[in-house]
Amino acid sequence: MRAGPDARASGDRHPANLLRHGGATLGERVADRVTASFGSWAFILAQSAAIVVWIAANVVGVLRAWDPYPFILLNLLFSTQAAYAAPLILLSQNRQAERDRVKAEHDYAVNQLALQFLLAWHDDTHPPGCTCVADLGPEAERLLAVTHLPALVTTPPP
């Protein structure tokens, strides 16, 4: 998972998009495209139509019934398809999990910045010694401690 130098040139700014479009290898791009097609209605309908045609052709005896009932060759084709599909789906899921992780980290950083702006706005708009944040109590102090920001919540002087 690496962002290529051409990712910024393509206009992507979000870190997850940089990973998605930036430095994906050929195998990663193929895995993403194949799994996207496996999860589509077009694929399900096309495969269902192919199964119906396969079974009908073999039951009616077109071309000397190359795969008579119980359709062992059809079963072999399904097994082969599943054997190739499973690793591709796992590869694609791993890439999606990495993108989700990057998005969550980015969202956390944005929320941290928003909190810093809110605290700065509070300092600018409220008089010194304001206790409105302190009145929120221990929950506000816990949130500020988690964000690693300087503690602006202090207990009001007696």
N, C-alpha and C. Protein backbone atom coordinates (compact mmCIF):
# COMPACT_ATOMS: atom_id res chain seq x y z
N MET A 1 0.83 -1.18 0.00
CA MET A 1 0.00 0.00 0.00
C MET A 1 0.88 1.24 0.00
N ARG A 2 1.10 1.72 -1.12
CA ARG A 2 1.93 2.92 -1.18
C ARG A 2 1.31 3.91 -2.15
N ALA A 3 1.47 5.17 -1.83
CA ALA A 3 0.94 6.21 -2.69
C ALA A 3 1.99 6.57 -3.72
N GLY A 4 1.64 6.49 -4.96
CA GLY A 4 2.59 6.80 -6.02
C GLY A 4 2.70 8.30 -6.24
N PRO A 5 3.75 8.70 -6.94
CA PRO A 5 3.94 10.13 -7.18
C PRO A 5 2.86 10.73 -8.06
N ASP A 6 2.19 9.91 -8.85
CA ASP A 6 1.15 10.43 -9.73
C ASP A 6 -0.20 10.58 -9.04
N ALA A 7 -0.30 10.14 -7.78
CA ALA A 7 -1.58 10.21 -7.07
C ALA A 7 -2.01 11.65 -6.84
N ARG A 8 -1.09 12.50 -6.41
CA ARG A 8 -1.43 13.91 -6.18
C ARG A 8 -1.76 14.60 -7.50
N ALA A 9 -1.09 14.20 -8.56
CA ALA A 9 -1.34 14.82 -9.86
C ALA A 9 -2.74 14.50 -10.37
N SER A 10 -3.31 13.37 -9.91
CA SER A 10 -4.64 13.00 -10.38
C SER A 10 -5.74 13.75 -9.65
N GLY A 11 -5.37 14.55 -8.65
CA GLY A 11 -6.35 15.35 -7.94
C GLY A 11 -6.83 14.74 -6.65
N ASP A 12 -6.36 13.56 -6.29
CA ASP A 12 -6.76 12.93 -5.04
C ASP A 12 -6.07 13.63 -3.88
N ARG A 13 -6.86 13.96 -2.83
CA ARG A 13 -6.30 14.62 -1.68
C ARG A 13 -6.47 13.82 -0.41
N HIS A 14 -7.52 13.02 -0.32
CA HIS A 14 -7.75 12.23 0.87
C HIS A 14 -6.73 11.09 0.91
N PRO A 15 -6.13 10.83 2.08
CA PRO A 15 -5.10 9.79 2.16
C PRO A 15 -5.57 8.42 1.67
N ALA A 16 -6.82 8.08 1.92
CA ALA A 16 -7.31 6.77 1.46
C ALA A 16 -7.37 6.72 -0.06
N ASN A 17 -7.74 7.82 -0.69
CA ASN A 17 -7.76 7.86 -2.15
C ASN A 17 -6.36 7.82 -2.73
N LEU A 18 -5.41 8.40 -2.02
CA LEU A 18 -4.03 8.32 -2.47
C LEU A 18 -3.58 6.86 -2.49
N LEU A 19 -3.96 6.11 -1.46
CA LEU A 19 -3.63 4.69 -1.43
C LEU A 19 -4.36 3.92 -2.53
N ARG A 20 -5.62 4.26 -2.72
CA ARG A 20 -6.44 3.51 -3.67
C ARG A 20 -5.98 3.73 -5.11
N HIS A 21 -5.71 4.97 -5.46
CA HIS A 21 -5.40 5.27 -6.86
C HIS A 21 -3.92 5.46 -7.11
N GLY A 22 -3.17 5.61 -6.05
CA GLY A 22 -1.78 5.98 -6.22
C GLY A 22 -0.86 4.88 -6.64
N GLY A 23 -0.64 3.91 -5.77
CA GLY A 23 0.41 2.95 -6.06
C GLY A 23 -0.04 1.52 -6.08
N ALA A 24 -1.24 1.26 -6.52
CA ALA A 24 -1.72 -0.12 -6.57
C ALA A 24 -0.98 -0.88 -7.66
N THR A 25 -0.56 -2.08 -7.31
CA THR A 25 0.11 -2.92 -8.29
C THR A 25 -0.92 -3.48 -9.27
N LEU A 26 -0.45 -4.09 -10.32
CA LEU A 26 -1.35 -4.69 -11.31
C LEU A 26 -2.22 -5.76 -10.65
N GLY A 27 -1.62 -6.58 -9.81
CA GLY A 27 -2.38 -7.63 -9.12
C GLY A 27 -3.46 -7.06 -8.22
N GLU A 28 -3.15 -5.96 -7.52
CA GLU A 28 -4.13 -5.33 -6.64
C GLU A 28 -5.29 -4.74 -7.44
N ARG A 29 -4.96 -4.12 -8.56
CA ARG A 29 -6.01 -3.54 -9.41
C ARG A 29 -6.90 -4.64 -10.00
N VAL A 30 -6.29 -5.76 -10.43
CA VAL A 30 -7.06 -6.87 -10.97
C VAL A 30 -7.98 -7.46 -9.90
N ALA A 31 -7.43 -7.64 -8.69
CA ALA A 31 -8.25 -8.19 -7.59
C ALA A 31 -9.45 -7.29 -7.31
N ASP A 32 -9.23 -5.98 -7.28
CA ASP A 32 -10.33 -5.05 -7.02
C ASP A 32 -11.39 -5.11 -8.11
N ARG A 33 -10.96 -5.18 -9.35
CA ARG A 33 -11.92 -5.21 -10.46
C ARG A 33 -12.69 -6.52 -10.52
N VAL A 34 -11.99 -7.63 -10.31
CA VAL A 34 -12.65 -8.94 -10.36
C VAL A 34 -13.68 -9.04 -9.24
N THR A 35 -13.30 -8.65 -8.03
CA THR A 35 -14.26 -8.75 -6.92
C THR A 35 -15.41 -7.78 -7.10
N ALA A 36 -15.16 -6.65 -7.73
CA ALA A 36 -16.27 -5.72 -8.00
C ALA A 36 -17.26 -6.36 -8.98
N SER A 37 -16.76 -7.12 -9.94
CA SER A 37 -17.67 -7.77 -10.90
C SER A 37 -18.38 -8.96 -10.25
N PHE A 38 -17.69 -9.70 -9.36
CA PHE A 38 -18.33 -10.83 -8.68
C PHE A 38 -19.51 -10.38 -7.83
N GLY A 39 -19.46 -9.18 -7.32
CA GLY A 39 -20.53 -8.70 -6.46
C GLY A 39 -21.62 -7.94 -7.19
N SER A 40 -21.68 -8.07 -8.50
CA SER A 40 -22.67 -7.29 -9.25
C SER A 40 -23.83 -8.18 -9.71
N TRP A 41 -24.96 -7.53 -9.92
CA TRP A 41 -26.13 -8.25 -10.44
C TRP A 41 -25.88 -8.75 -11.85
N ALA A 42 -25.11 -8.01 -12.62
CA ALA A 42 -24.82 -8.44 -13.99
C ALA A 42 -24.11 -9.80 -13.98
N PHE A 43 -23.16 -9.97 -13.07
CA PHE A 43 -22.45 -11.25 -12.97
C PHE A 43 -23.39 -12.37 -12.54
N ILE A 44 -24.20 -12.10 -11.54
CA ILE A 44 -25.13 -13.13 -11.04
C ILE A 44 -26.10 -13.55 -12.13
N LEU A 45 -26.65 -12.57 -12.86
CA LEU A 45 -27.59 -12.90 -13.92
C LEU A 45 -26.91 -13.62 -15.08
N ALA A 46 -25.70 -13.19 -15.45
CA ALA A 46 -24.99 -13.84 -16.55
C ALA A 46 -24.62 -15.27 -16.17
N GLN A 47 -24.16 -15.47 -14.94
CA GLN A 47 -23.80 -16.83 -14.52
C GLN A 47 -25.06 -17.70 -14.43
N SER A 48 -26.15 -17.15 -13.95
CA SER A 48 -27.39 -17.92 -13.88
C SER A 48 -27.86 -18.32 -15.27
N ALA A 49 -27.76 -17.41 -16.22
CA ALA A 49 -28.15 -17.73 -17.61
C ALA A 49 -27.25 -18.81 -18.18
N ALA A 50 -25.95 -18.72 -17.91
CA ALA A 50 -25.02 -19.74 -18.42
C ALA A 50 -25.32 -21.11 -17.82
N ILE A 51 -25.70 -21.15 -16.56
CA ILE A 51 -26.04 -22.42 -15.90
C ILE A 51 -27.29 -23.02 -16.53
N VAL A 52 -28.29 -22.19 -16.75
CA VAL A 52 -29.53 -22.67 -17.36
C VAL A 52 -29.26 -23.21 -18.76
N VAL A 53 -28.48 -22.50 -19.55
CA VAL A 53 -28.15 -22.96 -20.91
C VAL A 53 -27.35 -24.26 -20.84
N TRP A 54 -26.36 -24.33 -19.94
CA TRP A 54 -25.53 -25.54 -19.79
C TRP A 54 -26.41 -26.76 -19.46
N ILE A 55 -27.26 -26.60 -18.47
CA ILE A 55 -28.10 -27.72 -18.04
C ILE A 55 -29.10 -28.11 -19.14
N ALA A 56 -29.71 -27.09 -19.74
CA ALA A 56 -30.68 -27.37 -20.81
C ALA A 56 -30.02 -28.09 -21.98
N ALA A 57 -28.83 -27.63 -22.36
CA ALA A 57 -28.14 -28.26 -23.49
C ALA A 57 -27.77 -29.70 -23.18
N ASN A 58 -27.44 -29.98 -21.94
CA ASN A 58 -27.06 -31.34 -21.57
C ASN A 58 -28.26 -32.25 -21.33
N VAL A 59 -29.34 -31.70 -20.84
CA VAL A 59 -30.54 -32.51 -20.61
C VAL A 59 -31.20 -32.87 -21.94
N VAL A 60 -31.29 -31.88 -22.84
CA VAL A 60 -31.92 -32.11 -24.14
C VAL A 60 -31.02 -32.96 -25.02
N GLY A 61 -29.72 -32.90 -24.82
CA GLY A 61 -28.80 -33.73 -25.58
C GLY A 61 -28.17 -33.02 -26.76
N VAL A 62 -28.11 -31.71 -26.73
CA VAL A 62 -27.45 -30.97 -27.79
C VAL A 62 -25.97 -31.35 -27.79
N LEU A 63 -25.41 -31.61 -28.93
CA LEU A 63 -24.00 -31.97 -29.07
C LEU A 63 -23.63 -33.19 -28.21
N ARG A 64 -24.47 -34.19 -28.19
CA ARG A 64 -24.22 -35.46 -27.52
C ARG A 64 -24.02 -35.35 -26.01
N ALA A 65 -24.62 -34.39 -25.36
CA ALA A 65 -24.62 -34.25 -23.89
C ALA A 65 -23.22 -34.45 -23.31
N TRP A 66 -22.36 -33.49 -23.51
CA TRP A 66 -20.96 -33.59 -23.07
C TRP A 66 -20.82 -33.64 -21.55
N ASP A 67 -21.85 -33.24 -20.80
CA ASP A 67 -21.80 -33.28 -19.33
C ASP A 67 -23.15 -33.74 -18.80
N PRO A 68 -23.42 -35.04 -18.90
CA PRO A 68 -24.74 -35.53 -18.47
C PRO A 68 -24.93 -35.40 -16.97
N TYR A 69 -26.20 -35.50 -16.57
CA TYR A 69 -26.55 -35.45 -15.15
C TYR A 69 -25.67 -36.44 -14.40
N PRO A 70 -25.06 -36.06 -13.34
CA PRO A 70 -25.18 -34.97 -12.36
C PRO A 70 -24.27 -33.77 -12.64
N PHE A 71 -23.92 -33.55 -13.88
CA PHE A 71 -23.19 -32.35 -14.30
C PHE A 71 -21.86 -32.18 -13.55
N ILE A 72 -21.02 -33.18 -13.65
CA ILE A 72 -19.74 -33.18 -12.94
C ILE A 72 -18.80 -32.11 -13.50
N LEU A 73 -18.79 -31.92 -14.80
CA LEU A 73 -17.93 -30.89 -15.39
C LEU A 73 -18.37 -29.50 -14.93
N LEU A 74 -19.66 -29.27 -14.85
CA LEU A 74 -20.17 -27.98 -14.35
C LEU A 74 -19.74 -27.77 -12.90
N ASN A 75 -19.81 -28.81 -12.10
CA ASN A 75 -19.37 -28.74 -10.71
C ASN A 75 -17.87 -28.42 -10.63
N LEU A 76 -17.08 -29.02 -11.51
CA LEU A 76 -15.64 -28.75 -11.55
C LEU A 76 -15.38 -27.29 -11.92
N LEU A 77 -16.15 -26.77 -12.86
CA LEU A 77 -15.99 -25.36 -13.24
C LEU A 77 -16.32 -24.44 -12.06
N PHE A 78 -17.38 -24.76 -11.32
CA PHE A 78 -17.72 -23.95 -10.15
C PHE A 78 -16.63 -24.02 -9.09
N SER A 79 -16.07 -25.19 -8.88
CA SER A 79 -15.00 -25.34 -7.89
C SER A 79 -13.77 -24.54 -8.30
N THR A 80 -13.44 -24.57 -9.58
CA THR A 80 -12.30 -23.80 -10.07
C THR A 80 -12.55 -22.31 -9.93
N GLN A 81 -13.75 -21.88 -10.25
CA GLN A 81 -14.09 -20.47 -10.10
C GLN A 81 -13.97 -20.04 -8.63
N ALA A 82 -14.47 -20.86 -7.72
CA ALA A 82 -14.39 -20.54 -6.29
C ALA A 82 -12.94 -20.52 -5.81
N ALA A 83 -12.13 -21.44 -6.33
CA ALA A 83 -10.73 -21.49 -5.91
C ALA A 83 -9.98 -20.23 -6.32
N TYR A 84 -10.32 -19.65 -7.45
CA TYR A 84 -9.69 -18.41 -7.87
C TYR A 84 -10.34 -17.19 -7.23
N ALA A 85 -11.63 -17.25 -7.00
CA ALA A 85 -12.34 -16.09 -6.47
C ALA A 85 -11.99 -15.81 -5.02
N ALA A 86 -11.86 -16.85 -4.22
CA ALA A 86 -11.62 -16.65 -2.78
C ALA A 86 -10.37 -15.83 -2.48
N PRO A 87 -9.21 -16.16 -3.05
CA PRO A 87 -8.02 -15.34 -2.76
C PRO A 87 -8.15 -13.91 -3.29
N LEU A 88 -8.79 -13.76 -4.44
CA LEU A 88 -8.96 -12.41 -4.98
C LEU A 88 -9.86 -11.57 -4.06
N ILE A 89 -10.90 -12.18 -3.55
CA ILE A 89 -11.79 -11.46 -2.63
C ILE A 89 -11.05 -11.09 -1.36
N LEU A 90 -10.24 -12.00 -0.83
CA LEU A 90 -9.46 -11.71 0.37
C LEU A 90 -8.46 -10.57 0.12
N LEU A 91 -7.80 -10.58 -1.01
CA LEU A 91 -6.87 -9.49 -1.34
C LEU A 91 -7.60 -8.15 -1.38
N SER A 92 -8.74 -8.14 -2.01
CA SER A 92 -9.51 -6.91 -2.12
C SER A 92 -10.01 -6.46 -0.75
N GLN A 93 -10.44 -7.40 0.09
CA GLN A 93 -10.90 -7.04 1.44
C GLN A 93 -9.75 -6.48 2.27
N ASN A 94 -8.56 -7.03 2.13
CA ASN A 94 -7.41 -6.49 2.85
C ASN A 94 -7.10 -5.07 2.43
N ARG A 95 -7.19 -4.81 1.14
CA ARG A 95 -6.96 -3.44 0.66
C ARG A 95 -8.04 -2.50 1.18
N GLN A 96 -9.29 -2.97 1.22
CA GLN A 96 -10.38 -2.13 1.74
C GLN A 96 -10.18 -1.86 3.22
N ALA A 97 -9.74 -2.86 3.97
CA ALA A 97 -9.47 -2.66 5.40
C ALA A 97 -8.37 -1.62 5.61
N GLU A 98 -7.36 -1.65 4.78
CA GLU A 98 -6.27 -0.66 4.88
C GLU A 98 -6.81 0.74 4.57
N ARG A 99 -7.65 0.85 3.54
CA ARG A 99 -8.24 2.16 3.22
C ARG A 99 -9.12 2.65 4.37
N ASP A 100 -9.89 1.74 4.97
CA ASP A 100 -10.75 2.12 6.11
C ASP A 100 -9.91 2.60 7.28
N ARG A 101 -8.78 1.92 7.54
CA ARG A 101 -7.90 2.33 8.63
C ARG A 101 -7.35 3.73 8.38
N VAL A 102 -6.92 3.99 7.15
CA VAL A 102 -6.37 5.30 6.81
C VAL A 102 -7.45 6.37 6.94
N LYS A 103 -8.67 6.06 6.50
CA LYS A 103 -9.76 7.02 6.63
C LYS A 103 -10.06 7.32 8.09
N ALA A 104 -10.05 6.28 8.93
CA ALA A 104 -10.33 6.50 10.36
C ALA A 104 -9.24 7.36 10.99
N GLU A 105 -7.98 7.11 10.65
CA GLU A 105 -6.89 7.93 11.18
C GLU A 105 -7.04 9.38 10.71
N HIS A 106 -7.39 9.56 9.45
CA HIS A 106 -7.57 10.91 8.91
C HIS A 106 -8.73 11.61 9.60
N ASP A 107 -9.85 10.91 9.77
CA ASP A 107 -11.00 11.50 10.46
C ASP A 107 -10.65 11.89 11.89
N TYR A 108 -9.86 11.06 12.57
CA TYR A 108 -9.45 11.37 13.94
C TYR A 108 -8.61 12.65 13.96
N ALA A 109 -7.68 12.77 13.00
CA ALA A 109 -6.85 13.97 12.94
C ALA A 109 -7.70 15.21 12.65
N VAL A 110 -8.68 15.08 11.78
CA VAL A 110 -9.57 16.21 11.47
C VAL A 110 -10.37 16.60 12.71
N ASN A 111 -10.86 15.61 13.44
CA ASN A 111 -11.61 15.90 14.67
C ASN A 111 -10.73 16.57 15.71
N GLN A 112 -9.48 16.15 15.80
CA GLN A 112 -8.54 16.80 16.72
C GLN A 112 -8.36 18.27 16.34
N LEU A 113 -8.19 18.54 15.08
CA LEU A 113 -8.00 19.91 14.61
C LEU A 113 -9.25 20.74 14.87
N ALA A 114 -10.42 20.16 14.64
CA ALA A 114 -11.66 20.88 14.90
C ALA A 114 -11.79 21.22 16.38
N LEU A 115 -11.40 20.30 17.24
CA LEU A 115 -11.45 20.58 18.67
C LEU A 115 -10.49 21.70 19.06
N GLN A 116 -9.32 21.70 18.45
CA GLN A 116 -8.36 22.78 18.71
C GLN A 116 -8.94 24.13 18.28
N PHE A 117 -9.60 24.15 17.12
CA PHE A 117 -10.21 25.40 16.66
C PHE A 117 -11.33 25.84 17.60
N LEU A 118 -12.12 24.89 18.06
CA LEU A 118 -13.20 25.23 18.99
C LEU A 118 -12.65 25.78 20.30
N LEU A 119 -11.60 25.18 20.80
CA LEU A 119 -10.99 25.68 22.04
C LEU A 119 -10.39 27.07 21.84
N ALA A 120 -9.76 27.29 20.69
CA ALA A 120 -9.21 28.61 20.40
C ALA A 120 -10.34 29.64 20.28
N TRP A 121 -11.43 29.24 19.63
CA TRP A 121 -12.58 30.14 19.51
C TRP A 121 -13.14 30.45 20.89
N HIS A 122 -13.22 29.43 21.74
CA HIS A 122 -13.72 29.64 23.10
C HIS A 122 -12.85 30.65 23.84
N ASP A 123 -11.53 30.50 23.73
CA ASP A 123 -10.63 31.44 24.40
C ASP A 123 -10.80 32.86 23.88
N ASP A 124 -11.07 32.98 22.58
CA ASP A 124 -11.21 34.32 21.98
C ASP A 124 -12.54 34.97 22.32
N THR A 125 -13.56 34.19 22.52
CA THR A 125 -14.90 34.76 22.68
C THR A 125 -15.38 34.83 24.12
N HIS A 126 -14.71 34.16 25.03
CA HIS A 126 -15.12 34.17 26.43
C HIS A 126 -14.10 34.92 27.28
N PRO A 127 -14.57 35.58 28.32
CA PRO A 127 -13.64 36.33 29.16
C PRO A 127 -12.71 35.38 29.93
N PRO A 128 -11.54 35.88 30.35
CA PRO A 128 -10.65 35.05 31.16
C PRO A 128 -11.36 34.60 32.43
N GLY A 129 -11.08 33.39 32.85
CA GLY A 129 -11.71 32.85 34.04
C GLY A 129 -13.10 32.28 33.79
N CYS A 130 -13.50 32.17 32.54
CA CYS A 130 -14.81 31.61 32.19
C CYS A 130 -14.87 30.17 32.67
N THR A 131 -15.96 29.80 33.27
CA THR A 131 -16.11 28.44 33.81
C THR A 131 -17.08 27.59 33.02
N CYS A 132 -17.51 28.04 31.85
CA CYS A 132 -18.52 27.28 31.12
C CYS A 132 -18.01 25.90 30.71
N VAL A 133 -16.75 25.79 30.34
CA VAL A 133 -16.22 24.47 30.00
C VAL A 133 -15.98 23.67 31.27
N ALA A 134 -15.49 24.32 32.30
CA ALA A 134 -15.24 23.62 33.57
C ALA A 134 -16.55 23.10 34.16
N ASP A 135 -17.64 23.80 33.90
CA ASP A 135 -18.93 23.37 34.42
C ASP A 135 -19.40 22.05 33.79
N LEU A 136 -18.80 21.70 32.67
CA LEU A 136 -19.15 20.43 32.03
C LEU A 136 -18.65 19.25 32.86
N GLY A 137 -17.66 19.49 33.67
CA GLY A 137 -17.21 18.49 34.63
C GLY A 137 -16.17 17.53 34.13
N PRO A 138 -16.08 16.39 34.77
CA PRO A 138 -15.03 15.43 34.47
C PRO A 138 -15.06 14.89 33.04
N GLU A 139 -16.23 14.84 32.44
CA GLU A 139 -16.32 14.33 31.06
C GLU A 139 -15.52 15.21 30.11
N ALA A 140 -15.62 16.54 30.27
CA ALA A 140 -14.86 17.44 29.41
C ALA A 140 -13.36 17.28 29.66
N GLU A 141 -12.97 17.12 30.89
CA GLU A 141 -11.55 16.92 31.19
C GLU A 141 -11.05 15.62 30.59
N ARG A 142 -11.88 14.57 30.66
CA ARG A 142 -11.47 13.29 30.08
C ARG A 142 -11.29 13.41 28.57
N LEU A 143 -12.21 14.11 27.90
CA LEU A 143 -12.10 14.29 26.45
C LEU A 143 -10.85 15.08 26.09
N LEU A 144 -10.56 16.11 26.85
CA LEU A 144 -9.37 16.89 26.55
C LEU A 144 -8.10 16.09 26.83
N ALA A 145 -8.13 15.23 27.83
CA ALA A 145 -6.97 14.41 28.13
C ALA A 145 -6.73 13.40 27.01
N VAL A 146 -7.81 12.85 26.46
CA VAL A 146 -7.69 11.87 25.38
C VAL A 146 -7.13 12.53 24.13
N THR A 147 -7.45 13.78 23.90
CA THR A 147 -7.02 14.45 22.68
C THR A 147 -5.60 14.98 22.78
N HIS A 148 -4.97 14.87 23.92
CA HIS A 148 -3.60 15.34 24.13
C HIS A 148 -3.46 16.83 23.89
N LEU A 149 -4.51 17.56 24.19
CA LEU A 149 -4.48 19.01 24.06
C LEU A 149 -4.23 19.61 25.44
N PRO A 150 -3.70 20.81 25.49
CA PRO A 150 -3.50 21.42 26.80
C PRO A 150 -4.83 21.55 27.52
N ALA A 151 -4.80 21.26 28.77
CA ALA A 151 -6.04 21.28 29.55
C ALA A 151 -6.50 22.71 29.75
N LEU A 152 -7.61 23.04 29.15
CA LEU A 152 -8.20 24.36 29.33
C LEU A 152 -9.30 24.29 30.37
N VAL A 153 -9.67 23.06 30.72
CA VAL A 153 -10.73 22.89 31.70
C VAL A 153 -10.07 22.84 33.06
N THR A 154 -10.36 23.78 33.85
CA THR A 154 -9.84 23.80 35.20
C THR A 154 -11.00 24.00 36.15
N THR A 155 -10.81 23.56 37.32
CA THR A 155 -11.89 23.77 38.29
C THR A 155 -11.92 25.25 38.63
N PRO A 156 -13.10 25.81 38.76
CA PRO A 156 -13.21 27.24 39.04
C PRO A 156 -12.63 27.56 40.42
N PRO A 157 -12.02 28.74 40.51
CA PRO A 157 -11.47 29.13 41.81
C PRO A 157 -12.59 29.32 42.82
N PRO A 158 -12.32 29.00 44.11
CA PRO A 158 -13.37 29.12 45.12
C PRO A 158 -13.74 30.56 45.40
